[in-house]
PDB file of N, CA and C in Angstrom:
ATOM      1  N   MET A   1      20.901  22.897  26.997  1.00  0.00           N
ATOM      2  CA  MET A   1      21.703  22.627  25.829  1.00  0.00           C
ATOM      3  C   MET A   1      23.090  23.203  26.069  1.00  0.00           C
ATOM      4  N   GLY A   2      24.111  22.424  25.759  1.00  0.00           N
ATOM      5  CA  GLY A   2      25.482  22.866  25.910  1.00  0.00           C
ATOM      6  C   GLY A   2      25.907  23.785  24.780  1.00  0.00           C
ATOM      7  N   ARG A   3      27.045  24.403  24.949  1.00  0.00           N
ATOM      8  CA  ARG A   3      27.578  25.298  23.926  1.00  0.00           C
ATOM      9  C   ARG A   3      28.590  24.558  23.067  1.00  0.00           C
ATOM     10  N   LEU A   4      28.547  24.847  21.785  1.00  0.00           N
ATOM     11  CA  LEU A   4      29.516  24.297  20.849  1.00  0.00           C
ATOM     12  C   LEU A   4      30.218  25.449  20.163  1.00  0.00           C
ATOM     13  N   SER A   5      31.490  25.291  19.913  1.00  0.00           N
ATOM     14  CA  SER A   5      32.266  26.321  19.239  1.00  0.00           C
ATOM     15  C   SER A   5      32.676  25.806  17.869  1.00  0.00           C
ATOM     16  N   LEU A   6      32.373  26.570  16.831  1.00  0.00           N
ATOM     17  CA  LEU A   6      32.729  26.191  15.471  1.00  0.00           C
ATOM     18  C   LEU A   6      33.663  27.233  14.877  1.00  0.00           C
ATOM     19  N   PRO A   7      34.836  26.814  14.420  1.00  0.00           N
ATOM     20  CA  PRO A   7      35.718  27.778  13.765  1.00  0.00           C
ATOM     21  C   PRO A   7      35.199  28.092  12.360  1.00  0.00           C
ATOM     22  N   LEU A   8      35.226  29.347  11.997  1.00  0.00           N
ATOM     23  CA  LEU A   8      34.824  29.756  10.660  1.00  0.00           C
ATOM     24  C   LEU A   8      36.073  30.159   9.881  1.00  0.00           C
ATOM     25  N   ILE A   9      36.124  29.772   8.639  1.00  0.00           N
ATOM     26  CA  ILE A   9      37.254  30.063   7.780  1.00  0.00           C
ATOM     27  C   ILE A   9      36.744  30.882   6.608  1.00  0.00           C
ATOM     28  N   SER A  10      37.448  31.928   6.292  1.00  0.00           N
ATOM     29  CA  SER A  10      37.063  32.753   5.159  1.00  0.00           C
ATOM     30  C   SER A  10      37.596  32.108   3.880  1.00  0.00           C
ATOM     31  N   GLY A  11      36.694  31.763   2.972  1.00  0.00           N
ATOM     32  CA  GLY A  11      37.081  31.167   1.705  1.00  0.00           C
ATOM     33  C   GLY A  11      37.375  32.230   0.668  1.00  0.00           C
ATOM     34  N   LEU A  12      37.978  31.829  -0.411  1.00  0.00           N
ATOM     35  CA  LEU A  12      38.266  32.746  -1.496  1.00  0.00           C
ATOM     36  C   LEU A  12      36.992  33.046  -2.269  1.00  0.00           C
ATOM     37  N   ASP A  13      36.446  34.225  -2.080  1.00  0.00           N
ATOM     38  CA  ASP A  13      35.235  34.667  -2.770  1.00  0.00           C
ATOM     39  C   ASP A  13      34.050  33.729  -2.582  1.00  0.00           C
ATOM     40  N   THR A  14      34.092  32.864  -1.576  1.00  0.00           N
ATOM     41  CA  THR A  14      32.989  31.934  -1.351  1.00  0.00           C
ATOM     42  C   THR A  14      32.309  32.146  -0.007  1.00  0.00           C
ATOM     43  N   GLY A  15      32.689  33.186   0.709  1.00  0.00           N
ATOM     44  CA  GLY A  15      32.096  33.419   2.013  1.00  0.00           C
ATOM     45  C   GLY A  15      32.791  32.611   3.087  1.00  0.00           C
ATOM     46  N   LEU A  16      32.060  32.309   4.132  1.00  0.00           N
ATOM     47  CA  LEU A  16      32.624  31.570   5.252  1.00  0.00           C
ATOM     48  C   LEU A  16      32.372  30.081   5.096  1.00  0.00           C
ATOM     49  N   VAL A  17      33.325  29.292   5.537  1.00  0.00           N
ATOM     50  CA  VAL A  17      33.177  27.838   5.510  1.00  0.00           C
ATOM     51  C   VAL A  17      33.475  27.287   6.904  1.00  0.00           C
ATOM     52  N   VAL A  18      32.905  26.132   7.183  1.00  0.00           N
ATOM     53  CA  VAL A  18      33.109  25.440   8.448  1.00  0.00           C
ATOM     54  C   VAL A  18      33.761  24.096   8.120  1.00  0.00           C
ATOM     55  N   PRO A  19      34.809  23.696   8.848  1.00  0.00           N
ATOM     56  CA  PRO A  19      35.395  22.381   8.608  1.00  0.00           C
ATOM     57  C   PRO A  19      34.339  21.276   8.746  1.00  0.00           C
ATOM     58  N   ALA A  20      34.374  20.320   7.842  1.00  0.00           N
ATOM     59  CA  ALA A  20      33.357  19.259   7.815  1.00  0.00           C
ATOM     60  C   ALA A  20      33.277  18.510   9.137  1.00  0.00           C
ATOM     61  N   VAL A  21      34.408  18.260   9.761  1.00  0.00           N
ATOM     62  CA  VAL A  21      34.391  17.518  11.029  1.00  0.00           C
ATOM     63  C   VAL A  21      33.637  18.308  12.094  1.00  0.00           C
ATOM     64  N   GLN A  22      33.736  19.625  12.051  1.00  0.00           N
ATOM     65  CA  GLN A  22      32.996  20.458  12.991  1.00  0.00           C
ATOM     66  C   GLN A  22      31.503  20.447  12.664  1.00  0.00           C
ATOM     67  N   LEU A  23      31.182  20.504  11.379  1.00  0.00           N
ATOM     68  CA  LEU A  23      29.779  20.486  10.955  1.00  0.00           C
ATOM     69  C   LEU A  23      29.098  19.179  11.340  1.00  0.00           C
ATOM     70  N   THR A  24      29.740  18.061  11.040  1.00  0.00           N
ATOM     71  CA  THR A  24      29.114  16.777  11.364  1.00  0.00           C
ATOM     72  C   THR A  24      29.027  16.581  12.879  1.00  0.00           C
ATOM     73  N   GLY A  25      29.997  17.103  13.608  1.00  0.00           N
ATOM     74  CA  GLY A  25      29.925  17.042  15.067  1.00  0.00           C
ATOM     75  C   GLY A  25      28.739  17.837  15.596  1.00  0.00           C
ATOM     76  N   LEU A  26      28.518  19.010  15.019  1.00  0.00           N
ATOM     77  CA  LEU A  26      27.376  19.834  15.400  1.00  0.00           C
ATOM     78  C   LEU A  26      26.062  19.124  15.070  1.00  0.00           C
ATOM     79  N   MET A  27      25.985  18.527  13.896  1.00  0.00           N
ATOM     80  CA  MET A  27      24.762  17.832  13.487  1.00  0.00           C
ATOM     81  C   MET A  27      24.465  16.662  14.420  1.00  0.00           C
ATOM     82  N   ARG A  28      25.495  15.906  14.784  1.00  0.00           N
ATOM     83  CA  ARG A  28      25.293  14.765  15.690  1.00  0.00           C
ATOM     84  C   ARG A  28      24.906  15.233  17.095  1.00  0.00           C
ATOM     85  N   ALA A  29      25.505  16.335  17.545  1.00  0.00           N
ATOM     86  CA  ALA A  29      25.153  16.877  18.859  1.00  0.00           C
ATOM     87  C   ALA A  29      23.704  17.350  18.871  1.00  0.00           C
ATOM     88  N   LEU A  30      23.263  17.939  17.789  1.00  0.00           N
ATOM     89  CA  LEU A  30      21.872  18.378  17.680  1.00  0.00           C
ATOM     90  C   LEU A  30      20.919  17.184  17.712  1.00  0.00           C
ATOM     91  N   ALA A  31      21.267  16.124  16.999  1.00  0.00           N
ATOM     92  CA  ALA A  31      20.447  14.910  17.014  1.00  0.00           C
ATOM     93  C   ALA A  31      20.371  14.336  18.429  1.00  0.00           C
ATOM     94  N   ASP A  32      21.494  14.334  19.144  1.00  0.00           N
ATOM     95  CA  ASP A  32      21.500  13.853  20.530  1.00  0.00           C
ATOM     96  C   ASP A  32      20.591  14.711  21.406  1.00  0.00           C
ATOM     97  N   GLU A  33      20.655  16.026  21.205  1.00  0.00           N
ATOM     98  CA  GLU A  33      19.816  16.936  21.996  1.00  0.00           C
ATOM     99  C   GLU A  33      18.337  16.687  21.713  1.00  0.00           C
ATOM    100  N   TRP A  34      17.998  16.520  20.455  1.00  0.00           N
ATOM    101  CA  TRP A  34      16.608  16.230  20.091  1.00  0.00           C
ATOM    102  C   TRP A  34      16.116  14.975  20.803  1.00  0.00           C
ATOM    103  N   GLU A  35      16.976  13.947  20.827  1.00  0.00           N
ATOM    104  CA  GLU A  35      16.565  12.698  21.492  1.00  0.00           C
ATOM    105  C   GLU A  35      16.325  12.930  22.982  1.00  0.00           C
ATOM    106  N   ARG A  36      17.119  13.769  23.606  1.00  0.00           N
ATOM    107  CA  ARG A  36      16.894  14.067  25.028  1.00  0.00           C
ATOM    108  C   ARG A  36      15.560  14.782  25.228  1.00  0.00           C
ATOM    109  N   TRP A  37      15.164  15.592  24.256  1.00  0.00           N
ATOM    110  CA  TRP A  37      13.881  16.294  24.367  1.00  0.00           C
ATOM    111  C   TRP A  37      12.713  15.321  24.431  1.00  0.00           C
ATOM    112  N   THR A  38      12.850  14.161  23.803  1.00  0.00           N
ATOM    113  CA  THR A  38      11.739  13.203  23.795  1.00  0.00           C
ATOM    114  C   THR A  38      11.498  12.605  25.172  1.00  0.00           C
ATOM    115  N   GLU A  39      12.466  12.730  26.067  1.00  0.00           N
ATOM    116  CA  GLU A  39      12.317  12.194  27.420  1.00  0.00           C
ATOM    117  C   GLU A  39      11.410  13.073  28.284  1.00  0.00           C
ATOM    118  N   ASP A  40      11.142  14.305  27.827  1.00  0.00           N
ATOM    119  CA  ASP A  40      10.289  15.236  28.564  1.00  0.00           C
ATOM    120  C   ASP A  40       8.860  15.105  28.053  1.00  0.00           C
ATOM    121  N   ALA A  41       8.017  14.475  28.841  1.00  0.00           N
ATOM    122  CA  ALA A  41       6.626  14.245  28.425  1.00  0.00           C
ATOM    123  C   ALA A  41       5.854  15.548  28.250  1.00  0.00           C
ATOM    124  N   ASP A  42       6.298  16.609  28.929  1.00  0.00           N
ATOM    125  CA  ASP A  42       5.600  17.894  28.847  1.00  0.00           C
ATOM    126  C   ASP A  42       6.025  18.725  27.639  1.00  0.00           C
ATOM    127  N   ALA A  43       6.962  18.236  26.850  1.00  0.00           N
ATOM    128  CA  ALA A  43       7.466  19.009  25.712  1.00  0.00           C
ATOM    129  C   ALA A  43       6.455  19.081  24.574  1.00  0.00           C
ATOM    130  N   GLY A  44       5.514  18.153  24.553  1.00  0.00           N
ATOM    131  CA  GLY A  44       4.502  18.167  23.504  1.00  0.00           C
ATOM    132  C   GLY A  44       5.026  17.718  22.153  1.00  0.00           C
ATOM    133  N   LEU A  45       6.094  16.948  22.164  1.00  0.00           N
ATOM    134  CA  LEU A  45       6.690  16.466  20.917  1.00  0.00           C
ATOM    135  C   LEU A  45       6.271  15.029  20.648  1.00  0.00           C
ATOM    136  N   ASP A  46       6.162  14.681  19.386  1.00  0.00           N
ATOM    137  CA  ASP A  46       5.896  13.299  19.005  1.00  0.00           C
ATOM    138  C   ASP A  46       7.241  12.575  18.954  1.00  0.00           C
ATOM    139  N   PRO A  47       7.493  11.673  19.903  1.00  0.00           N
ATOM    140  CA  PRO A  47       8.802  11.013  19.966  1.00  0.00           C
ATOM    141  C   PRO A  47       9.190  10.305  18.668  1.00  0.00           C
ATOM    142  N   GLY A  48       8.242   9.671  18.011  1.00  0.00           N
ATOM    143  CA  GLY A  48       8.557   8.975  16.766  1.00  0.00           C
ATOM    144  C   GLY A  48       9.084   9.911  15.700  1.00  0.00           C
ATOM    145  N   THR A  49       8.455  11.068  15.585  1.00  0.00           N
ATOM    146  CA  THR A  49       8.882  12.055  14.596  1.00  0.00           C
ATOM    147  C   THR A  49      10.253  12.619  14.939  1.00  0.00           C
ATOM    148  N   VAL A  50      10.439  12.978  16.203  1.00  0.00           N
ATOM    149  CA  VAL A  50      11.717  13.549  16.628  1.00  0.00           C
ATOM    150  C   VAL A  50      12.848  12.544  16.434  1.00  0.00           C
ATOM    151  N   LEU A  51      12.616  11.288  16.799  1.00  0.00           N
ATOM    152  CA  LEU A  51      13.645  10.266  16.636  1.00  0.00           C
ATOM    153  C   LEU A  51      13.944  10.014  15.161  1.00  0.00           C
ATOM    154  N   ALA A  52      12.918  10.071  14.318  1.00  0.00           N
ATOM    155  CA  ALA A  52      13.135   9.903  12.878  1.00  0.00           C
ATOM    156  C   ALA A  52      13.978  11.050  12.328  1.00  0.00           C
ATOM    157  N   LEU A  53      13.675  12.261  12.750  1.00  0.00           N
ATOM    158  CA  LEU A  53      14.454  13.419  12.296  1.00  0.00           C
ATOM    159  C   LEU A  53      15.896  13.341  12.781  1.00  0.00           C
ATOM    160  N   ALA A  54      16.094  12.909  14.013  1.00  0.00           N
ATOM    161  CA  ALA A  54      17.450  12.747  14.540  1.00  0.00           C
ATOM    162  C   ALA A  54      18.211  11.699  13.727  1.00  0.00           C
ATOM    163  N   GLY A  55      17.524  10.633  13.351  1.00  0.00           N
ATOM    164  CA  GLY A  55      18.161   9.600  12.529  1.00  0.00           C
ATOM    165  C   GLY A  55      18.563  10.121  11.163  1.00  0.00           C
ATOM    166  N   VAL A  56      17.706  10.934  10.563  1.00  0.00           N
ATOM    167  CA  VAL A  56      18.031  11.523   9.259  1.00  0.00           C
ATOM    168  C   VAL A  56      19.233  12.447   9.386  1.00  0.00           C
ATOM    169  N   LEU A  57      19.285  13.223  10.448  1.00  0.00           N
ATOM    170  CA  LEU A  57      20.418  14.129  10.658  1.00  0.00           C
ATOM    171  C   LEU A  57      21.720  13.348  10.812  1.00  0.00           C
ATOM    172  N   ARG A  58      21.667  12.223  11.511  1.00  0.00           N
ATOM    173  CA  ARG A  58      22.865  11.384  11.644  1.00  0.00           C
ATOM    174  C   ARG A  58      23.270  10.766  10.297  1.00  0.00           C
ATOM    175  N   GLN A  59      22.281  10.350   9.508  1.00  0.00           N
ATOM    176  CA  GLN A  59      22.585   9.793   8.180  1.00  0.00           C
ATOM    177  C   GLN A  59      23.250  10.839   7.290  1.00  0.00           C
ATOM    178  N   LEU A  60      22.772  12.069   7.346  1.00  0.00           N
ATOM    179  CA  LEU A  60      23.404  13.138   6.571  1.00  0.00           C
ATOM    180  C   LEU A  60      24.832  13.382   7.043  1.00  0.00           C
ATOM    181  N   SER A  61      25.046  13.312   8.345  1.00  0.00           N
ATOM    182  CA  SER A  61      26.388  13.464   8.894  1.00  0.00           C
ATOM    183  C   SER A  61      27.306  12.365   8.377  1.00  0.00           C
ATOM    184  N   ASP A  62      26.805  11.143   8.384  1.00  0.00           N
ATOM    185  CA  ASP A  62      27.593  10.022   7.866  1.00  0.00           C
ATOM    186  C   ASP A  62      27.912  10.205   6.387  1.00  0.00           C
ATOM    187  N   GLN A  63      26.934  10.672   5.619  1.00  0.00           N
ATOM    188  CA  GLN A  63      27.139  10.881   4.183  1.00  0.00           C
ATOM    189  C   GLN A  63      28.206  11.950   3.943  1.00  0.00           C
ATOM    190  N   ILE A  64      28.157  13.033   4.707  1.00  0.00           N
ATOM    191  CA  ILE A  64      29.177  14.074   4.577  1.00  0.00           C
ATOM    192  C   ILE A  64      30.549  13.503   4.894  1.00  0.00           C
ATOM    193  N   ASP A  65      30.658  12.706   5.973  1.00  0.00           N
ATOM    194  CA  ASP A  65      31.930  12.091   6.333  1.00  0.00           C
ATOM    195  C   ASP A  65      32.460  11.216   5.199  1.00  0.00           C
ATOM    196  N   VAL A  66      31.597  10.385   4.644  1.00  0.00           N
ATOM    197  CA  VAL A  66      32.009   9.468   3.571  1.00  0.00           C
ATOM    198  C   VAL A  66      32.474  10.249   2.342  1.00  0.00           C
ATOM    199  N   GLU A  67      31.726  11.281   1.979  1.00  0.00           N
ATOM    200  CA  GLU A  67      32.092  12.065   0.801  1.00  0.00           C
ATOM    201  C   GLU A  67      33.386  12.828   1.021  1.00  0.00           C
ATOM    202  N   CYS A  68      33.634  13.313   2.226  1.00  0.00           N
ATOM    203  CA  CYS A  68      34.887  13.991   2.513  1.00  0.00           C
ATOM    204  C   CYS A  68      36.066  13.013   2.488  1.00  0.00           C
ATOM    205  N   ILE A  69      35.863  11.826   3.009  1.00  0.00           N
ATOM    206  CA  ILE A  69      36.921  10.812   2.972  1.00  0.00           C
ATOM    207  C   ILE A  69      37.247  10.465   1.516  1.00  0.00           C
ATOM    208  N   ALA A  70      36.219  10.293   0.697  1.00  0.00           N
ATOM    209  CA  ALA A  70      36.431   9.975  -0.709  1.00  0.00           C
ATOM    210  C   ALA A  70      37.157  11.110  -1.421  1.00  0.00           C
ATOM    211  N   ALA A  71      36.780  12.347  -1.124  1.00  0.00           N
ATOM    212  CA  ALA A  71      37.431  13.487  -1.772  1.00  0.00           C
ATOM    213  C   ALA A  71      38.897  13.601  -1.330  1.00  0.00           C
ATOM    214  N   ALA A  72      39.154  13.329  -0.059  1.00  0.00           N
ATOM    215  CA  ALA A  72      40.520  13.429   0.458  1.00  0.00           C
ATOM    216  C   ALA A  72      41.416  12.313  -0.079  1.00  0.00           C
ATOM    217  N   SER A  73      40.808  11.160  -0.366  1.00  0.00           N
ATOM    218  CA  SER A  73      41.620  10.035  -0.853  1.00  0.00           C
ATOM    219  C   SER A  73      41.748  10.035  -2.373  1.00  0.00           C
ATOM    220  N   GLY A  74      41.053  10.972  -3.016  1.00  0.00           N
ATOM    221  CA  GLY A  74      41.149  11.077  -4.471  1.00  0.00           C
ATOM    222  C   GLY A  74      40.252  10.125  -5.226  1.00  0.00           C
ATOM    223  N   ASP A  75      39.317   9.464  -4.549  1.00  0.00           N
ATOM    224  CA  ASP A  75      38.392   8.531  -5.212  1.00  0.00           C
ATOM    225  C   ASP A  75      37.254   9.250  -5.871  1.00  0.00           C
TER     226      ASP A  75
END
């Protein structure tokens, strides 16, 4: 697994926040990594389940992107 760097920003009384583009990038990279795990027959993973989970993670990433675009455009 490769290394990813995420910048953390201190919010006003809200703790730490991560830029959405970094978060969705991390989520998509994790989904990609999960899919690579299914190629290893010795991993003992159910490929259907892992691929379904990776798909859900990508859908959540897409939803975050859409909601951020809507918030930025004032919609």
